[in-house]
Amino acid sequence: MNKIPISVKLYGELRERFSYKKVDAGIPNTLEIEVQEFRTVLGILKQLSIDENEISHIFVNGIFSGAGKMVKDGDRLGIFPKRMGLMFLEITKIKSIYTKIILHEELREFGPTEAIVDLPEGSTIDSVLNKYKLSKKRDKIEVIVNGKPIHEEDYIIKDWDNIAIFPL
């Protein structure tokens, strides 16, 4: 499989992890890396030893994206830590997907019983569980997407998927 160049800008405390490259305060640390072709942002986060739970916002070529977004040759990736999450008042560039989420039984305390939710393209099951504050209950719930059980947290959600979440 071919390797492709990607430019990664790390913001906040994420930029300090790569101390071999000193940058001034407020300036992102830019890394030029090579990744396998057809790699997701999540794969790049793993390559850089960054946990998805540390991230507030991901941008691919300036567009708000989810961790499951595929990158291609020459893409630019911006990664912001949780502590910088409140700095964004409005994200104007977003390619949304829509999904139906149904919470069953006692999980209804985490959100509406049924909702159509817009998510950034490339969102994963893990990002939905984080959105509903269910990630710590992962071993106590069953996630069904379009009638099939899904056990991979990095499963990429597609436009108009139906997601049902059940307690075990």
N, C-alpha and C. Protein backbone atom coordinates (compact mmCIF):
# COMPACT_ATOMS: atom_id res chain seq x y z
N MET A 1 0.84 -1.18 0.00
CA MET A 1 0.00 0.00 0.00
C MET A 1 0.88 1.24 0.00
N ASN A 2 0.50 2.26 -0.71
CA ASN A 2 1.28 3.48 -0.84
C ASN A 2 1.22 4.34 0.40
N LYS A 3 2.30 5.08 0.63
CA LYS A 3 2.31 6.09 1.70
C LYS A 3 2.06 7.44 1.06
N ILE A 4 1.31 8.28 1.79
CA ILE A 4 0.96 9.61 1.28
C ILE A 4 1.34 10.67 2.32
N PRO A 5 1.70 11.89 1.87
CA PRO A 5 2.05 12.95 2.82
C PRO A 5 0.80 13.65 3.36
N ILE A 6 0.83 13.93 4.65
CA ILE A 6 -0.26 14.64 5.34
C ILE A 6 0.38 15.72 6.22
N SER A 7 -0.22 16.88 6.25
CA SER A 7 0.22 17.95 7.14
C SER A 7 -0.71 17.96 8.35
N VAL A 8 -0.14 17.86 9.55
CA VAL A 8 -0.92 17.81 10.79
C VAL A 8 -0.56 19.02 11.65
N LYS A 9 -1.57 19.81 11.99
CA LYS A 9 -1.36 20.94 12.90
C LYS A 9 -1.96 20.57 14.25
N LEU A 10 -1.11 20.60 15.27
CA LEU A 10 -1.52 20.28 16.64
C LEU A 10 -1.63 21.57 17.44
N TYR A 11 -2.73 21.75 18.15
CA TYR A 11 -2.98 22.96 18.91
C TYR A 11 -2.96 22.67 20.41
N GLY A 12 -2.81 23.74 21.20
CA GLY A 12 -2.85 23.62 22.66
C GLY A 12 -1.79 22.68 23.19
N GLU A 13 -2.16 21.94 24.23
CA GLU A 13 -1.18 21.05 24.86
C GLU A 13 -0.75 19.89 23.96
N LEU A 14 -1.51 19.62 22.89
CA LEU A 14 -1.12 18.55 21.97
C LEU A 14 0.18 18.90 21.25
N ARG A 15 0.40 20.17 20.98
CA ARG A 15 1.61 20.58 20.26
C ARG A 15 2.87 20.36 21.08
N GLU A 16 2.73 20.36 22.39
CA GLU A 16 3.88 20.22 23.28
C GLU A 16 4.40 18.78 23.33
N ARG A 17 3.65 17.82 22.86
CA ARG A 17 4.09 16.42 22.87
C ARG A 17 5.25 16.17 21.92
N PHE A 18 5.39 17.05 20.96
CA PHE A 18 6.46 16.91 19.98
C PHE A 18 7.48 18.00 20.23
N SER A 19 8.17 17.86 21.39
CA SER A 19 9.05 18.92 21.90
C SER A 19 10.28 19.14 21.03
N TYR A 20 10.59 18.23 20.13
CA TYR A 20 11.75 18.43 19.26
C TYR A 20 11.54 19.59 18.31
N LYS A 21 10.31 20.05 18.23
CA LYS A 21 9.99 21.15 17.34
C LYS A 21 9.41 22.29 18.18
N LYS A 22 10.22 23.28 18.53
CA LYS A 22 9.78 24.37 19.40
C LYS A 22 9.01 25.41 18.60
N VAL A 23 7.84 25.79 19.12
CA VAL A 23 7.03 26.84 18.49
C VAL A 23 6.59 27.82 19.56
N ASP A 24 6.32 29.05 19.14
CA ASP A 24 5.88 30.09 20.07
C ASP A 24 4.46 29.82 20.56
N ALA A 25 4.14 30.38 21.73
CA ALA A 25 2.80 30.22 22.30
C ALA A 25 1.75 30.70 21.31
N GLY A 26 0.67 29.97 21.20
CA GLY A 26 -0.43 30.33 20.32
C GLY A 26 -0.26 29.87 18.88
N ILE A 27 0.91 29.38 18.53
CA ILE A 27 1.17 28.90 17.17
C ILE A 27 1.09 27.38 17.18
N PRO A 28 0.33 26.78 16.26
CA PRO A 28 0.26 25.32 16.24
C PRO A 28 1.59 24.69 15.82
N ASN A 29 1.81 23.50 16.27
CA ASN A 29 2.97 22.72 15.86
C ASN A 29 2.57 21.97 14.60
N THR A 30 3.27 22.18 13.50
CA THR A 30 2.94 21.54 12.24
C THR A 30 3.89 20.37 11.99
N LEU A 31 3.31 19.20 11.78
CA LEU A 31 4.08 17.99 11.48
C LEU A 31 3.78 17.59 10.04
N GLU A 32 4.81 17.24 9.33
CA GLU A 32 4.64 16.66 8.00
C GLU A 32 4.92 15.17 8.16
N ILE A 33 3.88 14.35 8.01
CA ILE A 33 4.05 12.91 8.22
C ILE A 33 3.59 12.16 6.97
N GLU A 34 3.98 10.90 6.91
CA GLU A 34 3.50 10.02 5.85
C GLU A 34 2.65 8.95 6.51
N VAL A 35 1.52 8.67 5.88
CA VAL A 35 0.59 7.66 6.40
C VAL A 35 0.23 6.71 5.27
N GLN A 36 -0.31 5.58 5.63
CA GLN A 36 -0.79 4.64 4.62
C GLN A 36 -1.97 5.25 3.88
N GLU A 37 -2.02 5.02 2.59
CA GLU A 37 -3.14 5.49 1.78
C GLU A 37 -4.44 4.88 2.33
N PHE A 38 -5.52 5.62 2.24
CA PHE A 38 -6.85 5.20 2.74
C PHE A 38 -6.85 5.07 4.26
N ARG A 39 -6.14 5.95 4.96
CA ARG A 39 -6.07 5.95 6.42
C ARG A 39 -7.13 6.90 6.95
N THR A 40 -7.68 6.58 8.10
CA THR A 40 -8.64 7.48 8.75
C THR A 40 -7.90 8.41 9.70
N VAL A 41 -8.58 9.49 10.10
CA VAL A 41 -8.03 10.40 11.11
C VAL A 41 -7.74 9.62 12.38
N LEU A 42 -8.62 8.69 12.74
CA LEU A 42 -8.41 7.88 13.94
C LEU A 42 -7.09 7.11 13.86
N GLY A 43 -6.77 6.58 12.70
CA GLY A 43 -5.50 5.88 12.51
C GLY A 43 -4.32 6.82 12.69
N ILE A 44 -4.46 8.05 12.24
CA ILE A 44 -3.39 9.04 12.41
C ILE A 44 -3.25 9.41 13.89
N LEU A 45 -4.38 9.56 14.59
CA LEU A 45 -4.32 9.85 16.02
C LEU A 45 -3.57 8.73 16.75
N LYS A 46 -3.87 7.48 16.39
CA LYS A 46 -3.17 6.35 17.01
C LYS A 46 -1.68 6.38 16.68
N GLN A 47 -1.35 6.71 15.43
CA GLN A 47 0.05 6.80 15.01
C GLN A 47 0.80 7.85 15.84
N LEU A 48 0.11 8.93 16.20
CA LEU A 48 0.71 10.01 16.98
C LEU A 48 0.54 9.81 18.50
N SER A 49 -0.03 8.67 18.90
CA SER A 49 -0.29 8.35 20.32
C SER A 49 -1.19 9.39 20.98
N ILE A 50 -2.24 9.79 20.27
CA ILE A 50 -3.23 10.73 20.79
C ILE A 50 -4.55 9.98 20.90
N ASP A 51 -5.13 9.95 22.09
CA ASP A 51 -6.41 9.27 22.31
C ASP A 51 -7.54 10.15 21.81
N GLU A 52 -8.51 9.55 21.15
CA GLU A 52 -9.64 10.31 20.61
C GLU A 52 -10.38 11.08 21.70
N ASN A 53 -10.39 10.57 22.93
CA ASN A 53 -11.07 11.25 24.03
C ASN A 53 -10.38 12.54 24.46
N GLU A 54 -9.16 12.78 23.99
CA GLU A 54 -8.44 14.02 24.30
C GLU A 54 -8.81 15.15 23.34
N ILE A 55 -9.55 14.84 22.29
CA ILE A 55 -9.79 15.76 21.19
C ILE A 55 -11.16 16.43 21.32
N SER A 56 -11.21 17.74 21.02
CA SER A 56 -12.51 18.42 20.97
C SER A 56 -12.96 18.61 19.53
N HIS A 57 -12.03 19.00 18.65
CA HIS A 57 -12.38 19.29 17.27
C HIS A 57 -11.31 18.77 16.32
N ILE A 58 -11.76 18.26 15.19
CA ILE A 58 -10.88 17.79 14.12
C ILE A 58 -11.32 18.49 12.84
N PHE A 59 -10.36 19.03 12.11
CA PHE A 59 -10.64 19.65 10.83
C PHE A 59 -9.79 18.99 9.76
N VAL A 60 -10.41 18.59 8.66
CA VAL A 60 -9.68 18.08 7.50
C VAL A 60 -9.88 19.10 6.38
N ASN A 61 -8.78 19.70 5.96
CA ASN A 61 -8.81 20.75 4.94
C ASN A 61 -9.77 21.88 5.31
N GLY A 62 -9.78 22.23 6.62
CA GLY A 62 -10.60 23.33 7.10
C GLY A 62 -12.05 23.00 7.34
N ILE A 63 -12.44 21.74 7.17
CA ILE A 63 -13.84 21.33 7.36
C ILE A 63 -13.93 20.45 8.61
N PHE A 64 -14.84 20.83 9.52
CA PHE A 64 -15.06 20.06 10.75
C PHE A 64 -15.40 18.63 10.39
N SER A 65 -14.66 17.67 10.97
CA SER A 65 -14.81 16.26 10.60
C SER A 65 -14.79 15.38 11.83
N GLY A 66 -15.19 14.14 11.65
CA GLY A 66 -15.12 13.13 12.69
C GLY A 66 -13.84 12.31 12.54
N ALA A 67 -13.55 11.50 13.56
CA ALA A 67 -12.31 10.71 13.58
C ALA A 67 -12.30 9.61 12.53
N GLY A 68 -13.44 9.24 11.99
CA GLY A 68 -13.49 8.20 10.97
C GLY A 68 -13.30 8.73 9.55
N LYS A 69 -13.10 10.02 9.41
CA LYS A 69 -12.91 10.62 8.08
C LYS A 69 -11.63 10.09 7.44
N MET A 70 -11.74 9.67 6.17
CA MET A 70 -10.59 9.20 5.42
C MET A 70 -9.79 10.40 4.92
N VAL A 71 -8.46 10.26 4.95
CA VAL A 71 -7.60 11.32 4.42
C VAL A 71 -6.99 10.85 3.11
N LYS A 72 -6.61 11.83 2.31
CA LYS A 72 -5.99 11.51 1.02
C LYS A 72 -4.73 12.35 0.85
N ASP A 73 -4.01 12.07 -0.19
CA ASP A 73 -2.74 12.71 -0.49
C ASP A 73 -2.83 14.23 -0.38
N GLY A 74 -1.95 14.80 0.45
CA GLY A 74 -1.87 16.26 0.58
C GLY A 74 -2.87 16.90 1.52
N ASP A 75 -3.73 16.12 2.19
CA ASP A 75 -4.72 16.70 3.10
C ASP A 75 -4.01 17.41 4.25
N ARG A 76 -4.73 18.39 4.81
CA ARG A 76 -4.27 19.12 5.99
C ARG A 76 -5.20 18.77 7.14
N LEU A 77 -4.63 18.40 8.26
CA LEU A 77 -5.39 17.95 9.42
C LEU A 77 -5.11 18.89 10.58
N GLY A 78 -6.16 19.44 11.19
CA GLY A 78 -6.03 20.29 12.38
C GLY A 78 -6.66 19.57 13.56
N ILE A 79 -5.92 19.44 14.67
CA ILE A 79 -6.40 18.69 15.84
C ILE A 79 -6.34 19.61 17.06
N PHE A 80 -7.51 19.79 17.71
CA PHE A 80 -7.63 20.64 18.87
C PHE A 80 -7.94 19.81 20.11
N PRO A 81 -7.29 20.09 21.25
CA PRO A 81 -7.54 19.34 22.48
C PRO A 81 -8.85 19.78 23.15
N LYS A 82 -9.32 18.96 24.08
CA LYS A 82 -10.57 19.25 24.81
C LYS A 82 -10.56 20.63 25.45
N ARG A 83 -9.41 21.02 26.01
CA ARG A 83 -9.34 22.31 26.72
C ARG A 83 -9.59 23.49 25.80
N MET A 84 -9.49 23.31 24.53
CA MET A 84 -9.73 24.41 23.58
C MET A 84 -11.12 24.32 22.96
N GLY A 85 -11.94 23.37 23.40
CA GLY A 85 -13.25 23.14 22.81
C GLY A 85 -14.20 24.31 22.90
N LEU A 86 -14.12 25.09 23.95
CA LEU A 86 -15.05 26.21 24.13
C LEU A 86 -14.66 27.44 23.33
N MET A 87 -13.51 27.41 22.69
CA MET A 87 -13.05 28.56 21.92
C MET A 87 -13.83 28.71 20.61
N PHE A 88 -14.54 27.68 20.18
CA PHE A 88 -15.26 27.74 18.92
C PHE A 88 -16.70 28.13 19.18
N LEU A 89 -17.07 29.34 18.73
CA LEU A 89 -18.45 29.79 18.89
C LEU A 89 -19.33 29.23 17.80
N GLU A 90 -18.78 29.13 16.60
CA GLU A 90 -19.57 28.65 15.48
C GLU A 90 -18.63 27.99 14.48
N ILE A 91 -18.99 26.83 14.05
CA ILE A 91 -18.21 26.14 13.03
C ILE A 91 -19.02 26.25 11.76
N THR A 92 -18.50 27.02 10.82
CA THR A 92 -19.28 27.30 9.62
C THR A 92 -19.07 26.29 8.52
N LYS A 93 -17.92 25.64 8.48
CA LYS A 93 -17.67 24.65 7.44
C LYS A 93 -17.82 23.27 8.03
N ILE A 94 -18.90 22.60 7.68
CA ILE A 94 -19.13 21.26 8.19
C ILE A 94 -19.90 20.47 7.13
N LYS A 95 -19.46 19.27 6.91
CA LYS A 95 -20.21 18.38 6.03
C LYS A 95 -20.90 17.38 6.96
N SER A 96 -22.18 17.56 7.13
CA SER A 96 -22.92 16.74 8.09
C SER A 96 -23.44 15.45 7.47
N ILE A 97 -23.57 14.48 8.33
CA ILE A 97 -24.36 13.30 8.03
C ILE A 97 -25.48 13.28 9.05
N TYR A 98 -26.55 12.62 8.72
CA TYR A 98 -27.68 12.55 9.63
C TYR A 98 -27.92 11.10 10.00
N THR A 99 -28.23 10.89 11.25
CA THR A 99 -28.48 9.54 11.73
C THR A 99 -29.61 9.57 12.74
N LYS A 100 -30.32 8.47 12.81
CA LYS A 100 -31.40 8.33 13.79
C LYS A 100 -30.83 7.56 14.98
N ILE A 101 -30.97 8.12 16.17
CA ILE A 101 -30.47 7.48 17.39
C ILE A 101 -31.67 7.17 18.28
N ILE A 102 -31.74 5.93 18.73
CA ILE A 102 -32.81 5.50 19.63
C ILE A 102 -32.15 4.97 20.90
N LEU A 103 -32.52 5.55 22.03
CA LEU A 103 -32.05 5.09 23.34
C LEU A 103 -33.15 4.27 23.99
N HIS A 104 -32.83 3.07 24.42
CA HIS A 104 -33.82 2.17 25.01
C HIS A 104 -33.72 2.11 26.52
N GLU A 105 -34.88 1.89 27.14
CA GLU A 105 -35.04 1.65 28.56
C GLU A 105 -34.35 2.71 29.40
N GLU A 106 -33.53 2.31 30.39
CA GLU A 106 -32.94 3.28 31.33
C GLU A 106 -31.91 4.20 30.67
N LEU A 107 -31.53 3.94 29.46
CA LEU A 107 -30.58 4.82 28.77
C LEU A 107 -31.25 6.12 28.34
N ARG A 108 -32.56 6.18 28.43
CA ARG A 108 -33.29 7.39 28.03
C ARG A 108 -32.93 8.59 28.91
N GLU A 109 -32.35 8.35 30.06
CA GLU A 109 -31.93 9.46 30.92
C GLU A 109 -30.74 10.23 30.30
N PHE A 110 -30.09 9.65 29.27
CA PHE A 110 -28.94 10.28 28.64
C PHE A 110 -29.32 11.13 27.42
N GLY A 111 -30.59 11.11 27.05
CA GLY A 111 -31.02 11.90 25.91
C GLY A 111 -32.43 11.52 25.51
N PRO A 112 -32.94 12.14 24.45
CA PRO A 112 -34.30 11.81 24.01
C PRO A 112 -34.39 10.35 23.55
N THR A 113 -35.58 9.78 23.68
CA THR A 113 -35.80 8.40 23.28
C THR A 113 -35.42 8.18 21.83
N GLU A 114 -35.77 9.12 20.97
CA GLU A 114 -35.50 9.00 19.54
C GLU A 114 -35.18 10.39 19.00
N ALA A 115 -34.11 10.47 18.21
CA ALA A 115 -33.74 11.77 17.65
C ALA A 115 -33.00 11.60 16.33
N ILE A 116 -33.19 12.55 15.44
CA ILE A 116 -32.38 12.65 14.24
C ILE A 116 -31.25 13.62 14.61
N VAL A 117 -30.01 13.15 14.48
CA VAL A 117 -28.85 13.91 14.92
C VAL A 117 -27.94 14.17 13.73
N ASP A 118 -27.44 15.41 13.64
CA ASP A 118 -26.44 15.67 12.61
C ASP A 118 -25.06 15.56 13.25
N LEU A 119 -24.18 14.88 12.55
CA LEU A 119 -22.82 14.61 13.02
C LEU A 119 -21.85 14.99 11.92
N PRO A 120 -20.61 15.32 12.29
CA PRO A 120 -19.65 15.58 11.21
C PRO A 120 -19.34 14.31 10.44
N GLU A 121 -19.12 14.44 9.14
CA GLU A 121 -18.75 13.30 8.31
C GLU A 121 -17.53 12.62 8.93
N GLY A 122 -17.56 11.30 8.96
CA GLY A 122 -16.47 10.53 9.55
C GLY A 122 -16.66 10.23 11.02
N SER A 123 -17.83 10.52 11.57
CA SER A 123 -18.10 10.22 12.98
C SER A 123 -18.11 8.71 13.20
N THR A 124 -17.74 8.31 14.40
CA THR A 124 -17.68 6.90 14.76
C THR A 124 -18.69 6.58 15.87
N ILE A 125 -18.86 5.30 16.13
CA ILE A 125 -19.72 4.88 17.26
C ILE A 125 -19.20 5.51 18.54
N ASP A 126 -17.88 5.54 18.72
CA ASP A 126 -17.29 6.13 19.92
C ASP A 126 -17.69 7.60 20.07
N SER A 127 -17.72 8.35 18.96
CA SER A 127 -18.09 9.77 19.05
C SER A 127 -19.57 9.92 19.44
N VAL A 128 -20.43 9.00 18.99
CA VAL A 128 -21.85 9.04 19.41
C VAL A 128 -21.96 8.72 20.90
N LEU A 129 -21.23 7.70 21.35
CA LEU A 129 -21.28 7.35 22.77
C LEU A 129 -20.76 8.50 23.62
N ASN A 130 -19.72 9.19 23.16
CA ASN A 130 -19.21 10.35 23.88
C ASN A 130 -20.25 11.46 23.90
N LYS A 131 -20.91 11.69 22.78
CA LYS A 131 -21.94 12.74 22.68
C LYS A 131 -23.05 12.52 23.71
N TYR A 132 -23.43 11.25 23.90
CA TYR A 132 -24.50 10.92 24.85
C TYR A 132 -23.96 10.57 26.23
N LYS A 133 -22.66 10.76 26.43
CA LYS A 133 -21.99 10.46 27.71
C LYS A 133 -22.18 9.00 28.12
N LEU A 134 -22.09 8.12 27.13
CA LEU A 134 -22.25 6.68 27.35
C LEU A 134 -20.95 5.90 27.18
N SER A 135 -19.84 6.56 26.91
CA SER A 135 -18.60 5.83 26.62
C SER A 135 -18.11 5.02 27.81
N LYS A 136 -18.38 5.48 29.03
CA LYS A 136 -17.95 4.72 30.22
C LYS A 136 -18.84 3.50 30.47
N LYS A 137 -19.97 3.44 29.80
CA LYS A 137 -20.90 2.32 29.95
C LYS A 137 -20.76 1.32 28.80
N ARG A 138 -19.70 1.44 28.00
CA ARG A 138 -19.53 0.64 26.78
C ARG A 138 -19.70 -0.86 27.02
N ASP A 139 -19.20 -1.37 28.13
CA ASP A 139 -19.31 -2.81 28.41
C ASP A 139 -20.69 -3.19 28.96
N LYS A 140 -21.57 -2.20 29.13
CA LYS A 140 -22.91 -2.46 29.67
C LYS A 140 -24.02 -2.12 28.68
N ILE A 141 -23.63 -1.87 27.42
CA ILE A 141 -24.63 -1.54 26.40
C ILE A 141 -24.38 -2.34 25.13
N GLU A 142 -25.41 -2.44 24.33
CA GLU A 142 -25.33 -3.07 23.01
C GLU A 142 -25.68 -2.00 21.98
N VAL A 143 -24.85 -1.87 20.95
CA VAL A 143 -25.10 -0.91 19.88
C VAL A 143 -25.48 -1.68 18.62
N ILE A 144 -26.62 -1.32 18.06
CA ILE A 144 -27.14 -1.95 16.85
C ILE A 144 -27.21 -0.87 15.76
N VAL A 145 -26.56 -1.12 14.62
CA VAL A 145 -26.61 -0.17 13.50
C VAL A 145 -27.29 -0.88 12.34
N ASN A 146 -28.41 -0.31 11.91
CA ASN A 146 -29.19 -0.86 10.80
C ASN A 146 -29.50 -2.35 11.02
N GLY A 147 -29.82 -2.70 12.26
CA GLY A 147 -30.22 -4.07 12.58
C GLY A 147 -29.08 -5.03 12.87
N LYS A 148 -27.82 -4.57 12.84
CA LYS A 148 -26.67 -5.46 13.08
C LYS A 148 -25.89 -4.98 14.30
N PRO A 149 -25.53 -5.89 15.21
CA PRO A 149 -24.71 -5.50 16.37
C PRO A 149 -23.33 -5.01 15.92
N ILE A 150 -22.89 -3.94 16.52
CA ILE A 150 -21.58 -3.36 16.22
C ILE A 150 -20.76 -3.35 17.51
N HIS A 151 -19.58 -3.94 17.46
CA HIS A 151 -18.73 -4.01 18.64
C HIS A 151 -17.48 -3.17 18.51
N GLU A 152 -17.20 -2.64 17.31
CA GLU A 152 -16.02 -1.82 17.10
C GLU A 152 -16.37 -0.36 17.38
N GLU A 153 -15.64 0.26 18.32
CA GLU A 153 -15.89 1.67 18.64
C GLU A 153 -15.52 2.59 17.50
N ASP A 154 -14.58 2.15 16.63
CA ASP A 154 -14.16 3.01 15.53
C ASP A 154 -14.96 2.74 14.25
N TYR A 155 -16.09 2.05 14.38
CA TYR A 155 -17.00 1.83 13.26
C TYR A 155 -17.46 3.19 12.75
N ILE A 156 -17.32 3.43 11.46
CA ILE A 156 -17.67 4.73 10.88
C ILE A 156 -19.15 4.77 10.50
N ILE A 157 -19.83 5.76 11.03
CA ILE A 157 -21.27 5.93 10.78
C ILE A 157 -21.47 6.55 9.41
N LYS A 158 -22.48 6.06 8.71
CA LYS A 158 -22.80 6.58 7.38
C LYS A 158 -24.10 7.39 7.44
N ASP A 159 -24.29 8.21 6.42
CA ASP A 159 -25.47 9.05 6.35
C ASP A 159 -26.74 8.20 6.45
N TRP A 160 -27.63 8.59 7.33
CA TRP A 160 -28.93 7.99 7.58
C TRP A 160 -28.87 6.58 8.16
N ASP A 161 -27.77 6.25 8.84
CA ASP A 161 -27.76 5.00 9.62
C ASP A 161 -28.77 5.12 10.77
N ASN A 162 -29.36 4.00 11.14
CA ASN A 162 -30.22 3.93 12.31
C ASN A 162 -29.42 3.26 13.42
N ILE A 163 -29.26 3.95 14.54
CA ILE A 163 -28.46 3.44 15.66
C ILE A 163 -29.37 3.26 16.86
N ALA A 164 -29.45 2.03 17.34
CA ALA A 164 -30.23 1.74 18.55
C ALA A 164 -29.23 1.33 19.64
N ILE A 165 -29.42 1.88 20.84
CA ILE A 165 -28.53 1.57 21.95
C ILE A 165 -29.37 0.99 23.08
N PHE A 166 -28.99 -0.23 23.47
CA PHE A 166 -29.73 -1.00 24.48
C PHE A 166 -28.84 -1.24 25.71
N PRO A 167 -29.41 -1.27 26.90
CA PRO A 167 -28.63 -1.72 28.07
C PRO A 167 -28.53 -3.24 28.04
N LEU A 168 -27.44 -3.77 28.55
CA LEU A 168 -27.30 -5.23 28.65
C LEU A 168 -27.87 -5.74 29.96
